[in-house]
């Protein structure tokens, strides 16, 4: 076991720093296919100066609002901002929110060929009300349930056309209906035929779907719930649960995020690497997992080993949690944190 005491800052050697600084520019050669639930993130920003006379709730005086890429599209956005070529594949409704999300995708100059439209299905929207840099409330508008067989067929057609041209496949499972067992089994089979790594950001209830993938990136809560859903023998601690998941899922690795305790990487050869948190200040954890899997995929595509990729993804997560909202990071920010570590 490679062990770093909890709370100890990451300290990279000069050799490691040079390696990571040479790896980041190689992200530009990476091609990543991201499959999962598309979500429109709406942020409403304002100030609070009084409590409502109607109920004990704050009155938010709205100053501005903006719309951002959410769900699997936030992963796509992270990859794009770090220089990688990304191909998102998912479903939009034929509604105002779907048109708005398509516009945001286009504005960010991300490929749109993998968008499948499904009539009668609303586009998922998450609205966050933020006052004085704090989230007051969030409300979701969505339909949770399987997409139509026609939509899955259209997605599979696109995936079959593009999978040979990519380096890594990411499955972003937000539990909205895109990721279903038969659909995912087909993708796993295709990826293995083409010798493409499959990375999964999991949903608790869907862990039985992920057997045979390369790596999953659960947080602690998801890992424990996933082990329960797989009916694995495990103890109520991260180490036993991580090892049980590697065995139960027949995967190469499990990268478990542990909040203030950083991350732990469990590999099929039995090695466990603990990585301390890289965050200097936690401002907002929204989208941190998206940044982790994005950098993990880019690093693997650039030729890094799993442990090296996990350490770099942890450094990236330490940057993004210091920002408000579903934020992304730039290559320059990642280089700066590597240099400072």
C-alpha atoms as a PDB file:
ATOM      1  CA  UNK A   1       0.000   0.000   0.000  1.00  0.00           C
ATOM      2  CA  UNK A   2       1.244   3.464  -0.870  1.00  0.00           C
ATOM      3  CA  UNK A   3       0.062   5.563   2.055  1.00  0.00           C
ATOM      4  CA  UNK A   4       0.084   9.315   2.603  1.00  0.00           C
ATOM      5  CA  UNK A   5      -1.166  10.539   5.982  1.00  0.00           C
ATOM      6  CA  UNK A   6      -4.592  12.229   5.818  1.00  0.00           C
ATOM      7  CA  UNK A   7      -4.289  15.977   5.857  1.00  0.00           C
ATOM      8  CA  UNK A   8      -0.730  15.990   4.510  1.00  0.00           C
ATOM      9  CA  UNK A   9      -0.380  18.126   1.396  1.00  0.00           C
ATOM     10  CA  UNK A  10       0.574  16.459  -1.846  1.00  0.00           C
ATOM     11  CA  UNK A  11       4.288  16.889  -2.474  1.00  0.00           C
ATOM     12  CA  UNK A  12       5.518  16.089  -5.965  1.00  0.00           C
ATOM     13  CA  UNK A  13       9.167  15.476  -6.706  1.00  0.00           C
ATOM     14  CA  UNK A  14      10.879  17.515  -9.416  1.00  0.00           C
ATOM     15  CA  UNK A  15      10.767  14.437 -11.663  1.00  0.00           C
ATOM     16  CA  UNK A  16       7.005  14.082 -11.125  1.00  0.00           C
ATOM     17  CA  UNK A  17       6.444  17.769 -11.790  1.00  0.00           C
ATOM     18  CA  UNK A  18       8.339  17.604 -15.071  1.00  0.00           C
ATOM     19  CA  UNK A  19       6.374  14.524 -16.071  1.00  0.00           C
ATOM     20  CA  UNK A  20       2.969  16.072 -15.352  1.00  0.00           C
ATOM     21  CA  UNK A  21       3.926  19.379 -16.985  1.00  0.00           C
ATOM     22  CA  UNK A  22       4.851  17.437 -20.141  1.00  0.00           C
ATOM     23  CA  UNK A  23       1.653  15.352 -19.943  1.00  0.00           C
ATOM     24  CA  UNK A  24      -0.829  18.263 -19.851  1.00  0.00           C
ATOM     25  CA  UNK A  25      -0.002  19.572 -23.382  1.00  0.00           C
ATOM     26  CA  UNK A  26      -0.577  16.010 -24.682  1.00  0.00           C
ATOM     27  CA  UNK A  27      -4.254  16.403 -23.746  1.00  0.00           C
ATOM     28  CA  UNK A  28      -4.663  18.165 -27.107  1.00  0.00           C
ATOM     29  CA  UNK A  29      -4.160  14.821 -28.874  1.00  0.00           C
ATOM     30  CA  UNK A  30      -6.824  13.030 -26.823  1.00  0.00           C
ATOM     31  CA  UNK A  31     -10.226  12.096 -28.236  1.00  0.00           C
ATOM     32  CA  UNK A  32     -12.888  11.206 -25.666  1.00  0.00           C
ATOM     33  CA  UNK A  33     -16.419   9.852 -26.190  1.00  0.00           C
ATOM     34  CA  UNK A  34     -18.766  10.898 -23.355  1.00  0.00           C
ATOM     35  CA  UNK A  35     -22.083   9.024 -23.096  1.00  0.00           C
ATOM     36  CA  UNK A  36     -24.751   9.947 -20.565  1.00  0.00           C
ATOM     37  CA  UNK A  37     -27.511  12.226 -19.348  1.00  0.00           C
ATOM     38  CA  UNK A  38     -27.605  15.776 -20.724  1.00  0.00           C
ATOM     39  CA  UNK A  39     -28.663  18.458 -18.201  1.00  0.00           C
ATOM     40  CA  UNK A  40     -29.134  22.210 -18.511  1.00  0.00           C
ATOM     41  CA  UNK A  41     -27.737  23.975 -15.434  1.00  0.00           C
ATOM     42  CA  UNK A  42     -29.451  27.282 -14.689  1.00  0.00           C
ATOM     43  CA  UNK A  43     -27.928  29.651 -12.143  1.00  0.00           C
ATOM     44  CA  UNK A  44     -29.933  32.575 -10.735  1.00  0.00           C
ATOM     45  CA  UNK A  45     -27.754  35.036  -8.822  1.00  0.00           C
ATOM     46  CA  UNK A  46     -28.977  37.658  -6.385  1.00  0.00           C
ATOM     47  CA  UNK A  47     -28.829  39.350  -2.990  1.00  0.00           C
ATOM     48  CA  UNK A  48     -30.794  38.773   0.197  1.00  0.00           C
ATOM     49  CA  UNK A  49     -31.689  41.778   2.330  1.00  0.00           C
ATOM     50  CA  UNK A  50     -34.802  40.603   4.170  1.00  0.00           C
ATOM     51  CA  UNK A  51     -36.964  37.646   5.144  1.00  0.00           C
ATOM     52  CA  UNK A  52     -40.315  37.212   3.439  1.00  0.00           C
ATOM     53  CA  UNK A  53     -43.359  38.304   5.496  1.00  0.00           C
ATOM     54  CA  UNK A  54     -45.254  35.395   3.916  1.00  0.00           C
ATOM     55  CA  UNK A  55     -42.996  32.626   5.232  1.00  0.00           C
ATOM     56  CA  UNK A  56     -39.637  32.287   7.052  1.00  0.00           C
ATOM     57  CA  UNK A  57     -37.642  32.244   3.811  1.00  0.00           C
ATOM     58  CA  UNK A  58     -35.170  34.740   2.303  1.00  0.00           C
ATOM     59  CA  UNK A  59     -36.299  37.107  -0.424  1.00  0.00           C
ATOM     60  CA  UNK A  60     -33.740  36.951  -3.244  1.00  0.00           C
ATOM     61  CA  UNK A  61     -33.427  40.083  -5.351  1.00  0.00           C
ATOM     62  CA  UNK A  62     -32.323  38.653  -8.711  1.00  0.00           C
ATOM     63  CA  UNK A  63     -29.307  40.312 -10.320  1.00  0.00           C
ATOM     64  CA  UNK A  64     -28.540  37.960 -13.198  1.00  0.00           C
ATOM     65  CA  UNK A  65     -28.945  34.426 -14.514  1.00  0.00           C
ATOM     66  CA  UNK A  66     -26.888  32.207 -16.741  1.00  0.00           C
ATOM     67  CA  UNK A  67     -27.069  28.771 -18.308  1.00  0.00           C
ATOM     68  CA  UNK A  68     -24.301  26.175 -18.301  1.00  0.00           C
ATOM     69  CA  UNK A  69     -23.641  22.645 -19.477  1.00  0.00           C
ATOM     70  CA  UNK A  70     -24.628  20.106 -16.838  1.00  0.00           C
ATOM     71  CA  UNK A  71     -24.628  16.357 -16.357  1.00  0.00           C
ATOM     72  CA  UNK A  72     -22.462  14.520 -18.864  1.00  0.00           C
ATOM     73  CA  UNK A  73     -22.093  17.775 -20.789  1.00  0.00           C
ATOM     74  CA  UNK A  74     -20.139  19.270 -17.875  1.00  0.00           C
ATOM     75  CA  UNK A  75     -17.653  16.439 -18.323  1.00  0.00           C
ATOM     76  CA  UNK A  76     -17.512  17.224 -22.035  1.00  0.00           C
ATOM     77  CA  UNK A  77     -16.965  20.897 -21.192  1.00  0.00           C
ATOM     78  CA  UNK A  78     -14.129  20.046 -18.772  1.00  0.00           C
ATOM     79  CA  UNK A  79     -12.385  17.961 -21.438  1.00  0.00           C
ATOM     80  CA  UNK A  80     -12.847  20.658 -24.063  1.00  0.00           C
ATOM     81  CA  UNK A  81     -11.488  23.403 -21.780  1.00  0.00           C
ATOM     82  CA  UNK A  82      -8.385  21.310 -21.095  1.00  0.00           C
ATOM     83  CA  UNK A  83      -7.701  20.982 -24.825  1.00  0.00           C
ATOM     84  CA  UNK A  84      -9.072  17.511 -25.565  1.00  0.00           C
ATOM     85  CA  UNK A  85     -11.380  16.662 -28.455  1.00  0.00           C
ATOM     86  CA  UNK A  86     -14.685  15.520 -26.991  1.00  0.00           C
ATOM     87  CA  UNK A  87     -17.708  13.825 -28.528  1.00  0.00           C
ATOM     88  CA  UNK A  88     -20.780  13.922 -26.259  1.00  0.00           C
ATOM     89  CA  UNK A  89     -23.674  11.551 -26.927  1.00  0.00           C
ATOM     90  CA  UNK A  90     -27.036  11.923 -25.196  1.00  0.00           C
ATOM     91  CA  UNK A  91     -30.688  12.943 -25.459  1.00  0.00           C
ATOM     92  CA  UNK A  92     -32.445  16.315 -25.562  1.00  0.00           C
ATOM     93  CA  UNK A  93     -36.140  17.068 -25.561  1.00  0.00           C
ATOM     94  CA  UNK A  94     -37.731  18.999 -28.405  1.00  0.00           C
ATOM     95  CA  UNK A  95     -38.509  21.925 -26.120  1.00  0.00           C
ATOM     96  CA  UNK A  96     -37.318  25.419 -25.257  1.00  0.00           C
ATOM     97  CA  UNK A  97     -34.783  24.098 -22.748  1.00  0.00           C
ATOM     98  CA  UNK A  98     -33.446  21.632 -25.322  1.00  0.00           C
ATOM     99  CA  UNK A  99     -32.949  24.432 -27.835  1.00  0.00           C
ATOM    100  CA  UNK A 100     -31.252  26.517 -25.169  1.00  0.00           C
ATOM    101  CA  UNK A 101     -28.913  23.661 -24.216  1.00  0.00           C
ATOM    102  CA  UNK A 102     -28.089  23.017 -27.866  1.00  0.00           C
ATOM    103  CA  UNK A 103     -27.217  26.709 -28.188  1.00  0.00           C
ATOM    104  CA  UNK A 104     -24.875  26.541 -25.180  1.00  0.00           C
ATOM    105  CA  UNK A 105     -23.159  23.446 -26.621  1.00  0.00           C
ATOM    106  CA  UNK A 106     -22.639  25.301 -29.889  1.00  0.00           C
ATOM    107  CA  UNK A 107     -21.399  28.410 -28.086  1.00  0.00           C
ATOM    108  CA  UNK A 108     -18.679  26.321 -26.440  1.00  0.00           C
ATOM    109  CA  UNK A 109     -17.729  24.883 -29.866  1.00  0.00           C
ATOM    110  CA  UNK A 110     -18.334  21.294 -28.746  1.00  0.00           C
ATOM    111  CA  UNK A 111     -19.356  18.703 -31.337  1.00  0.00           C
ATOM    112  CA  UNK A 112     -23.128  18.195 -31.624  1.00  0.00           C
ATOM    113  CA  UNK A 113     -23.317  15.101 -33.850  1.00  0.00           C
ATOM    114  CA  UNK A 114     -24.125  12.823 -30.910  1.00  0.00           C
ATOM    115  CA  UNK A 115     -27.294  14.674 -29.880  1.00  0.00           C
ATOM    116  CA  UNK A 116     -30.458  12.591 -30.164  1.00  0.00           C
ATOM    117  CA  UNK A 117     -33.816  14.386 -29.893  1.00  0.00           C
ATOM    118  CA  UNK A 118     -36.789  12.654 -28.291  1.00  0.00           C
ATOM    119  CA  UNK A 119     -40.223  14.171 -28.775  1.00  0.00           C
ATOM    120  CA  UNK A 120     -42.388  14.270 -25.654  1.00  0.00           C
ATOM    121  CA  UNK A 121     -39.453  13.988 -23.260  1.00  0.00           C
ATOM    122  CA  UNK A 122     -38.530  17.185 -21.384  1.00  0.00           C
ATOM    123  CA  UNK A 123     -34.927  18.303 -21.248  1.00  0.00           C
ATOM    124  CA  UNK A 124     -33.553  17.933 -17.704  1.00  0.00           C
ATOM    125  CA  UNK A 125     -33.004  21.293 -15.978  1.00  0.00           C
ATOM    126  CA  UNK A 126     -31.400  22.001 -12.594  1.00  0.00           C
ATOM    127  CA  UNK A 127     -32.010  25.523 -11.292  1.00  0.00           C
ATOM    128  CA  UNK A 128     -29.846  26.859  -8.468  1.00  0.00           C
ATOM    129  CA  UNK A 129     -30.647  30.073  -6.609  1.00  0.00           C
ATOM    130  CA  UNK A 130     -27.446  31.664  -5.269  1.00  0.00           C
ATOM    131  CA  UNK A 131     -27.275  34.671  -2.953  1.00  0.00           C
ATOM    132  CA  UNK A 132     -24.079  36.132  -1.494  1.00  0.00           C
ATOM    133  CA  UNK A 133     -22.075  33.203  -2.915  1.00  0.00           C
ATOM    134  CA  UNK A 134     -24.268  30.627  -1.135  1.00  0.00           C
ATOM    135  CA  UNK A 135     -26.793  28.270  -2.683  1.00  0.00           C
ATOM    136  CA  UNK A 136     -30.229  29.027  -1.228  1.00  0.00           C
ATOM    137  CA  UNK A 137     -32.217  26.307  -2.962  1.00  0.00           C
ATOM    138  CA  UNK A 138     -32.126  24.031  -5.996  1.00  0.00           C
ATOM    139  CA  UNK A 139     -35.100  22.725  -7.930  1.00  0.00           C
ATOM    140  CA  UNK A 140     -35.128  20.139 -10.720  1.00  0.00           C
ATOM    141  CA  UNK A 141     -37.409  19.810 -13.708  1.00  0.00           C
ATOM    142  CA  UNK A 142     -37.014  16.461 -15.391  1.00  0.00           C
ATOM    143  CA  UNK A 143     -38.493  13.116 -16.337  1.00  0.00           C
ATOM    144  CA  UNK A 144     -36.664  10.245 -14.664  1.00  0.00           C
ATOM    145  CA  UNK A 145     -37.086   7.011 -16.573  1.00  0.00           C
ATOM    146  CA  UNK A 146     -35.815   5.135 -19.589  1.00  0.00           C
ATOM    147  CA  UNK A 147     -35.480   6.891 -22.925  1.00  0.00           C
ATOM    148  CA  UNK A 148     -37.270   5.336 -25.887  1.00  0.00           C
ATOM    149  CA  UNK A 149     -35.893   2.294 -27.764  1.00  0.00           C
ATOM    150  CA  UNK A 150     -35.608   4.515 -30.859  1.00  0.00           C
ATOM    151  CA  UNK A 151     -33.399   6.960 -28.958  1.00  0.00           C
ATOM    152  CA  UNK A 152     -31.156   4.166 -27.709  1.00  0.00           C
ATOM    153  CA  UNK A 153     -30.913   2.764 -31.233  1.00  0.00           C
ATOM    154  CA  UNK A 154     -29.925   6.186 -32.609  1.00  0.00           C
ATOM    155  CA  UNK A 155     -27.286   6.583 -29.906  1.00  0.00           C
ATOM    156  CA  UNK A 156     -25.841   3.119 -30.570  1.00  0.00           C
ATOM    157  CA  UNK A 157     -25.652   3.851 -34.292  1.00  0.00           C
ATOM    158  CA  UNK A 158     -23.628   6.988 -33.570  1.00  0.00           C
ATOM    159  CA  UNK A 159     -21.408   5.222 -31.019  1.00  0.00           C
ATOM    160  CA  UNK A 160     -20.605   2.389 -33.439  1.00  0.00           C
ATOM    161  CA  UNK A 161     -19.615   4.947 -36.064  1.00  0.00           C
ATOM    162  CA  UNK A 162     -17.272   6.867 -33.758  1.00  0.00           C
ATOM    163  CA  UNK A 163     -15.865   4.501 -31.128  1.00  0.00           C
ATOM    164  CA  UNK A 164     -12.843   3.372 -33.163  1.00  0.00           C
ATOM    165  CA  UNK A 165     -11.688   6.971 -33.554  1.00  0.00           C
ATOM    166  CA  UNK A 166     -11.548   7.766 -29.808  1.00  0.00           C
ATOM    167  CA  UNK A 167      -9.002   6.947 -27.096  1.00  0.00           C
ATOM    168  CA  UNK A 168     -11.309   6.612 -24.074  1.00  0.00           C
ATOM    169  CA  UNK A 169     -15.041   6.101 -23.438  1.00  0.00           C
ATOM    170  CA  UNK A 170     -16.675   7.807 -20.445  1.00  0.00           C
ATOM    171  CA  UNK A 171     -20.068   6.734 -19.082  1.00  0.00           C
ATOM    172  CA  UNK A 172     -21.716   9.515 -17.079  1.00  0.00           C
ATOM    173  CA  UNK A 173     -24.669   7.972 -15.250  1.00  0.00           C
ATOM    174  CA  UNK A 174     -26.914  10.550 -13.582  1.00  0.00           C
ATOM    175  CA  UNK A 175     -29.804   8.092 -13.353  1.00  0.00           C
ATOM    176  CA  UNK A 176     -32.108  10.068 -15.659  1.00  0.00           C
ATOM    177  CA  UNK A 177     -32.743   7.225 -18.108  1.00  0.00           C
ATOM    178  CA  UNK A 178     -29.986   7.131 -20.728  1.00  0.00           C
ATOM    179  CA  UNK A 179     -27.869   4.444 -19.039  1.00  0.00           C
ATOM    180  CA  UNK A 180     -29.758   1.156 -18.962  1.00  0.00           C
ATOM    181  CA  UNK A 181     -28.362  -2.351 -18.564  1.00  0.00           C
ATOM    182  CA  UNK A 182     -28.750  -3.745 -22.094  1.00  0.00           C
ATOM    183  CA  UNK A 183     -27.576  -0.469 -23.645  1.00  0.00           C
ATOM    184  CA  UNK A 184     -24.478  -0.331 -21.437  1.00  0.00           C
ATOM    185  CA  UNK A 185     -23.610  -3.998 -21.998  1.00  0.00           C
ATOM    186  CA  UNK A 186     -23.556  -3.313 -25.737  1.00  0.00           C
ATOM    187  CA  UNK A 187     -21.249  -0.313 -25.237  1.00  0.00           C
ATOM    188  CA  UNK A 188     -18.918  -2.324 -22.991  1.00  0.00           C
ATOM    189  CA  UNK A 189     -18.734  -5.079 -25.588  1.00  0.00           C
ATOM    190  CA  UNK A 190     -17.998  -2.569 -28.371  1.00  0.00           C
ATOM    191  CA  UNK A 191     -15.327  -0.810 -26.315  1.00  0.00           C
ATOM    192  CA  UNK A 192     -13.590  -4.064 -25.471  1.00  0.00           C
ATOM    193  CA  UNK A 193     -13.655  -5.160 -29.113  1.00  0.00           C
ATOM    194  CA  UNK A 194     -11.979  -1.865 -30.012  1.00  0.00           C
ATOM    195  CA  UNK A 195      -9.648  -2.007 -26.969  1.00  0.00           C
ATOM    196  CA  UNK A 196     -10.889   1.285 -25.540  1.00  0.00           C
ATOM    197  CA  UNK A 197     -10.814   1.956 -21.766  1.00  0.00           C
ATOM    198  CA  UNK A 198     -14.252   2.531 -20.220  1.00  0.00           C
ATOM    199  CA  UNK A 199     -14.495   4.974 -17.316  1.00  0.00           C
ATOM    200  CA  UNK A 200     -17.732   5.213 -15.327  1.00  0.00           C
ATOM    201  CA  UNK A 201     -19.042   7.936 -13.027  1.00  0.00           C
ATOM    202  CA  UNK A 202     -21.636   5.696 -11.344  1.00  0.00           C
ATOM    203  CA  UNK A 203     -25.172   5.938 -10.042  1.00  0.00           C
ATOM    204  CA  UNK A 204     -25.737   3.962  -6.861  1.00  0.00           C
ATOM    205  CA  UNK A 205     -28.634   1.827  -8.061  1.00  0.00           C
ATOM    206  CA  UNK A 206     -26.931   0.904 -11.333  1.00  0.00           C
ATOM    207  CA  UNK A 207     -23.725  -0.702 -10.038  1.00  0.00           C
ATOM    208  CA  UNK A 208     -24.701  -4.154 -11.373  1.00  0.00           C
ATOM    209  CA  UNK A 209     -24.605  -2.631 -14.886  1.00  0.00           C
ATOM    210  CA  UNK A 210     -20.886  -1.776 -14.637  1.00  0.00           C
ATOM    211  CA  UNK A 211     -19.365  -5.260 -14.569  1.00  0.00           C
ATOM    212  CA  UNK A 212     -16.354  -5.395 -16.882  1.00  0.00           C
ATOM    213  CA  UNK A 213     -15.583  -1.678 -17.170  1.00  0.00           C
ATOM    214  CA  UNK A 214     -12.021  -0.389 -16.736  1.00  0.00           C
ATOM    215  CA  UNK A 215     -12.505   1.965 -13.779  1.00  0.00           C
ATOM    216  CA  UNK A 216     -15.337   3.537 -11.785  1.00  0.00           C
ATOM    217  CA  UNK A 217     -15.085   6.789  -9.795  1.00  0.00           C
ATOM    218  CA  UNK A 218     -17.628   6.662  -6.926  1.00  0.00           C
ATOM    219  CA  UNK A 219     -17.633   8.852  -3.861  1.00  0.00           C
ATOM    220  CA  UNK A 220     -17.665   7.126  -0.471  1.00  0.00           C
ATOM    221  CA  UNK A 221     -21.466   7.064  -0.178  1.00  0.00           C
ATOM    222  CA  UNK A 222     -21.909   5.714  -3.721  1.00  0.00           C
ATOM    223  CA  UNK A 223     -19.264   3.049  -3.131  1.00  0.00           C
ATOM    224  CA  UNK A 224     -20.960   1.707   0.012  1.00  0.00           C
ATOM    225  CA  UNK A 225     -24.392   1.728  -1.661  1.00  0.00           C
ATOM    226  CA  UNK A 226     -22.944   0.099  -4.778  1.00  0.00           C
ATOM    227  CA  UNK A 227     -21.406  -2.707  -2.763  1.00  0.00           C
ATOM    228  CA  UNK A 228     -24.808  -3.292  -1.158  1.00  0.00           C
ATOM    229  CA  UNK A 229     -26.561  -3.386  -4.537  1.00  0.00           C
ATOM    230  CA  UNK A 230     -23.995  -5.925  -5.772  1.00  0.00           C
ATOM    231  CA  UNK A 231     -24.514  -7.963  -2.569  1.00  0.00           C
ATOM    232  CA  UNK A 232     -20.795  -7.998  -1.932  1.00  0.00           C
ATOM    233  CA  UNK A 233     -19.235  -9.032   1.348  1.00  0.00           C
ATOM    234  CA  UNK A 234     -17.620  -5.872   2.669  1.00  0.00           C
ATOM    235  CA  UNK A 235     -17.059  -3.876   5.836  1.00  0.00           C
ATOM    236  CA  UNK A 236     -18.174  -0.349   6.560  1.00  0.00           C
ATOM    237  CA  UNK A 237     -14.847   1.239   5.647  1.00  0.00           C
ATOM    238  CA  UNK A 238     -13.440   2.520   2.370  1.00  0.00           C
ATOM    239  CA  UNK A 239     -10.576   0.049   2.015  1.00  0.00           C
ATOM    240  CA  UNK A 240     -12.600  -3.139   2.287  1.00  0.00           C
ATOM    241  CA  UNK A 241     -15.371  -1.667   0.149  1.00  0.00           C
ATOM    242  CA  UNK A 242     -12.979  -0.531  -2.592  1.00  0.00           C
ATOM    243  CA  UNK A 243     -11.301  -3.925  -2.774  1.00  0.00           C
ATOM    244  CA  UNK A 244     -14.680  -5.679  -2.813  1.00  0.00           C
ATOM    245  CA  UNK A 245     -15.863  -3.479  -5.699  1.00  0.00           C
ATOM    246  CA  UNK A 246     -12.773  -4.232  -7.811  1.00  0.00           C
ATOM    247  CA  UNK A 247     -13.413  -7.938  -7.383  1.00  0.00           C
ATOM    248  CA  UNK A 248     -17.191  -7.779  -7.743  1.00  0.00           C
ATOM    249  CA  UNK A 249     -17.154  -5.605 -10.865  1.00  0.00           C
ATOM    250  CA  UNK A 250     -14.222  -7.435 -12.467  1.00  0.00           C
ATOM    251  CA  UNK A 251     -12.720  -4.037 -13.218  1.00  0.00           C
ATOM    252  CA  UNK A 252      -9.106  -2.852 -13.313  1.00  0.00           C
ATOM    253  CA  UNK A 253      -9.520  -0.083 -10.753  1.00  0.00           C
ATOM    254  CA  UNK A 254     -11.828   1.805  -8.426  1.00  0.00           C
ATOM    255  CA  UNK A 255     -10.960   5.464  -7.750  1.00  0.00           C
ATOM    256  CA  UNK A 256     -12.959   6.451  -4.669  1.00  0.00           C
ATOM    257  CA  UNK A 257     -13.295  10.119  -3.717  1.00  0.00           C
ATOM    258  CA  UNK A 258     -13.301  10.640   0.059  1.00  0.00           C
ATOM    259  CA  UNK A 259     -14.105  14.313   0.589  1.00  0.00           C
ATOM    260  CA  UNK A 260     -11.673  15.950   2.992  1.00  0.00           C
ATOM    261  CA  UNK A 261      -9.703  12.681   3.095  1.00  0.00           C
ATOM    262  CA  UNK A 262      -8.802  12.929  -0.596  1.00  0.00           C
ATOM    263  CA  UNK A 263      -9.007   9.797  -2.750  1.00  0.00           C
ATOM    264  CA  UNK A 264      -8.108   6.136  -2.677  1.00  0.00           C
ATOM    265  CA  UNK A 265      -7.152   4.121  -5.743  1.00  0.00           C
ATOM    266  CA  UNK A 266      -7.822   0.366  -5.602  1.00  0.00           C
ATOM    267  CA  UNK A 267      -6.287  -1.778  -8.348  1.00  0.00           C
ATOM    268  CA  UNK A 268      -6.930  -5.368  -9.342  1.00  0.00           C
ATOM    269  CA  UNK A 269      -3.409  -6.453  -8.352  1.00  0.00           C
ATOM    270  CA  UNK A 270      -4.306  -5.538  -4.764  1.00  0.00           C
ATOM    271  CA  UNK A 271      -2.430  -2.236  -4.604  1.00  0.00           C
ATOM    272  CA  UNK A 272      -4.101   0.610  -2.731  1.00  0.00           C
ATOM    273  CA  UNK A 273      -2.876   4.187  -3.076  1.00  0.00           C
ATOM    274  CA  UNK A 274      -4.179   6.892  -0.758  1.00  0.00           C
ATOM    275  CA  UNK A 275      -4.030  10.407  -2.165  1.00  0.00           C
ATOM    276  CA  UNK A 276      -4.601  13.348   0.226  1.00  0.00           C
ATOM    277  CA  UNK A 277      -6.937  16.161  -0.690  1.00  0.00           C
ATOM    278  CA  UNK A 278      -5.401  18.894  -2.822  1.00  0.00           C
ATOM    279  CA  UNK A 279      -8.043  21.507  -1.991  1.00  0.00           C
ATOM    280  CA  UNK A 280      -6.858  24.676  -0.273  1.00  0.00           C
ATOM    281  CA  UNK A 281     -10.387  26.013   0.225  1.00  0.00           C
ATOM    282  CA  UNK A 282     -13.663  24.231  -0.484  1.00  0.00           C
ATOM    283  CA  UNK A 283     -16.151  26.688  -1.931  1.00  0.00           C
ATOM    284  CA  UNK A 284     -18.512  24.451  -3.939  1.00  0.00           C
ATOM    285  CA  UNK A 285     -18.321  20.713  -4.667  1.00  0.00           C
ATOM    286  CA  UNK A 286     -20.724  20.937  -7.643  1.00  0.00           C
ATOM    287  CA  UNK A 287     -19.153  19.154 -10.585  1.00  0.00           C
ATOM    288  CA  UNK A 288     -15.951  18.109  -8.779  1.00  0.00           C
ATOM    289  CA  UNK A 289     -16.534  14.474  -9.740  1.00  0.00           C
ATOM    290  CA  UNK A 290     -16.925  15.579 -13.359  1.00  0.00           C
ATOM    291  CA  UNK A 291     -13.497  17.206 -13.248  1.00  0.00           C
ATOM    292  CA  UNK A 292     -11.971  14.074 -11.695  1.00  0.00           C
ATOM    293  CA  UNK A 293     -13.177  11.730 -14.427  1.00  0.00           C
ATOM    294  CA  UNK A 294     -12.371  14.257 -17.175  1.00  0.00           C
ATOM    295  CA  UNK A 295      -8.724  14.624 -16.132  1.00  0.00           C
ATOM    296  CA  UNK A 296      -8.445  10.894 -15.446  1.00  0.00           C
ATOM    297  CA  UNK A 297      -9.591  10.158 -19.011  1.00  0.00           C
ATOM    298  CA  UNK A 298      -7.338  12.803 -20.568  1.00  0.00           C
ATOM    299  CA  UNK A 299      -4.295  11.586 -18.650  1.00  0.00           C
ATOM    300  CA  UNK A 300      -4.931   7.958 -19.611  1.00  0.00           C
ATOM    301  CA  UNK A 301      -5.403   8.983 -23.245  1.00  0.00           C
ATOM    302  CA  UNK A 302      -2.095  10.868 -23.056  1.00  0.00           C
ATOM    303  CA  UNK A 303      -0.306   7.707 -21.892  1.00  0.00           C
ATOM    304  CA  UNK A 304      -0.331   7.957 -18.083  1.00  0.00           C
ATOM    305  CA  UNK A 305      -0.653   4.939 -15.824  1.00  0.00           C
ATOM    306  CA  UNK A 306      -3.756   4.754 -13.616  1.00  0.00           C
ATOM    307  CA  UNK A 307      -1.954   5.903 -10.457  1.00  0.00           C
ATOM    308  CA  UNK A 308      -0.371   8.872 -12.248  1.00  0.00           C
ATOM    309  CA  UNK A 309      -3.711   9.813 -13.799  1.00  0.00           C
ATOM    310  CA  UNK A 310      -5.447   9.571 -10.401  1.00  0.00           C
ATOM    311  CA  UNK A 311      -2.947  11.917  -8.733  1.00  0.00           C
ATOM    312  CA  UNK A 312      -3.351  14.493 -11.503  1.00  0.00           C
ATOM    313  CA  UNK A 313      -7.165  14.251 -11.329  1.00  0.00           C
ATOM    314  CA  UNK A 314      -6.972  14.876  -7.577  1.00  0.00           C
ATOM    315  CA  UNK A 315      -4.933  18.032  -8.149  1.00  0.00           C
ATOM    316  CA  UNK A 316      -7.539  19.171 -10.669  1.00  0.00           C
ATOM    317  CA  UNK A 317     -10.394  18.539  -8.224  1.00  0.00           C
ATOM    318  CA  UNK A 318      -8.592  20.682  -5.666  1.00  0.00           C
ATOM    319  CA  UNK A 319      -8.845  23.609  -8.073  1.00  0.00           C
ATOM    320  CA  UNK A 320     -12.479  23.232  -9.079  1.00  0.00           C
ATOM    321  CA  UNK A 321     -13.898  22.977  -5.548  1.00  0.00           C
ATOM    322  CA  UNK A 322     -12.523  26.462  -4.952  1.00  0.00           C
ATOM    323  CA  UNK A 323     -14.916  27.828  -7.577  1.00  0.00           C
ATOM    324  CA  UNK A 324     -18.659  28.417  -7.437  1.00  0.00           C
ATOM    325  CA  UNK A 325     -20.986  26.461  -9.706  1.00  0.00           C
ATOM    326  CA  UNK A 326     -20.283  23.668 -12.201  1.00  0.00           C
ATOM    327  CA  UNK A 327     -16.890  25.136 -13.037  1.00  0.00           C
ATOM    328  CA  UNK A 328     -14.086  23.970 -15.302  1.00  0.00           C
ATOM    329  CA  UNK A 329     -10.338  24.479 -15.161  1.00  0.00           C
ATOM    330  CA  UNK A 330      -7.760  25.520 -17.729  1.00  0.00           C
ATOM    331  CA  UNK A 331      -4.432  23.892 -18.657  1.00  0.00           C
ATOM    332  CA  UNK A 332      -2.677  26.920 -17.150  1.00  0.00           C
ATOM    333  CA  UNK A 333      -4.431  26.416 -13.791  1.00  0.00           C
ATOM    334  CA  UNK A 334      -3.521  22.725 -13.776  1.00  0.00           C
ATOM    335  CA  UNK A 335       0.098  23.487 -14.618  1.00  0.00           C
ATOM    336  CA  UNK A 336       0.213  26.071 -11.818  1.00  0.00           C
ATOM    337  CA  UNK A 337      -1.066  23.642  -9.170  1.00  0.00           C
ATOM    338  CA  UNK A 338       1.393  20.968 -10.346  1.00  0.00           C
ATOM    339  CA  UNK A 339       4.255  23.473 -10.058  1.00  0.00           C
ATOM    340  CA  UNK A 340       3.127  24.514  -6.570  1.00  0.00           C
ATOM    341  CA  UNK A 341       2.682  20.959  -5.234  1.00  0.00           C
END
